Amino acid sequence: MSSPHWVLPGPVRRVEATDPAGTTHASAVVDPDTVLLAFALDGRIPLDEPLPATEAHLLHVGALDPEGTQAAVVELPTPYGWNGWTLSKVSLAGVTRLRTSGAERGRWLEVAVGRSLGWEGGTTLPWLTGEDATPVWVRPPALRLRRRPGEPESPHWQVEVRRPGDETVLACLTGAPGALLRPWEQVPGPLLGPYEILVHRPGRQRGRRRLTAFLAEGVEATPSAEWRLLAPQGGLVPTRLDFRTGGPVTVSRNTVAFDSYEITRQLVLRDGTRGFRVQALVPHSEVRLELDGGLLPWSIRPLDIDAADLVRDSALTVCLPEQAVAVAPELVLVVEGAT
């Protein structure tokens, strides 16, 4: 938040501020007609977004009144200072719309039982991730526009493609609610690196939705093994990744070899002018020890466990890569040199 700024001393529904030119700006913290704040597992749901048809946290005034399936509600401790409000953990699966007893008459909040905004199709490369662990798409996905129940099919969603941190619009298109768009067809190639998709109503900035995608069109990778198990001598079974690229796209290393104690390697993909860092990896096993309810870090090294720890509240978790569905590995316990 840029300066100057103020901390709100308690729950408020609306904030008004007057700038030096005398213009008053209003910002709704809580919609006064619904008296409800909704939080998805990954953050707050915008005021003009439908509620997710999954689990959500709702901070509200009055009792919840759902339509459709009866919502499963667990009441939680209310945050400090929010007297008169209730915090509920709610499963909205099967609920079509929701309101509170403190809301204005007829003010319902829709639940997203229609199509939600997100990627469809496309192909990711399991052996590469972006620096922030984002997936790398080698065949770009299509964009499914959100459609609320009963929403008319008129082209009033605007989609802009940009680079993160850059205001230059690489492509701009519109589509009807629920439509499947291919925003990359208008973007100059090669399609390489991170892109940002902004979706909003034409002429409106409120309610903007933002999606990101890291593209690496034409990049291929072939592993010597699709997963790595823990090796008997310690660490992981060594493996190798071979890369191929086409056109102007190049990779800083065509072959990456992983030794026993190496999980990831950093590479750079280039389009002739810019370079983008990625992480190369092969899904692997790891182990974790729990002592007296405390979790130790995940490790690929053999664990040295004191015999005294075995009589405590302890547990050993072995995590196998999800690709290893038909593998039944052995777990070896060595005591004073004897297996």
Foldseek 3Di string as FASTA:
>chain_A
DDPPDDDDPADDQKDWDADPVGDIDIDGPHDQQFQKWKADPVGTDAPPDAAEQAKIKMKGAAAKDFPFDDKDWDWDDDDPRHPRITIITIRNNGTQWMGHPSHHPPDIGGYQPFDDWDWDDFDWDPFKAAPVRHTETQGDTWIFAADRVPDDFDFFKKKFKAAVPDPDTQFIDTGGHGDIGDGCVSGDDDQAAKMKMWIDGVPDDGPIDIDMHGYDHFKDKDKPDQEWEQDPVFATDKIKIAMDGDDQKDKPDRMDIADRHGAWDWIWIDNNPDIGIMIGGHHYKWKWKAAPNRTDDTGRGDDDDDPVRVVGPMDMDIDGGPVPPPDDDDDDDADPNRD
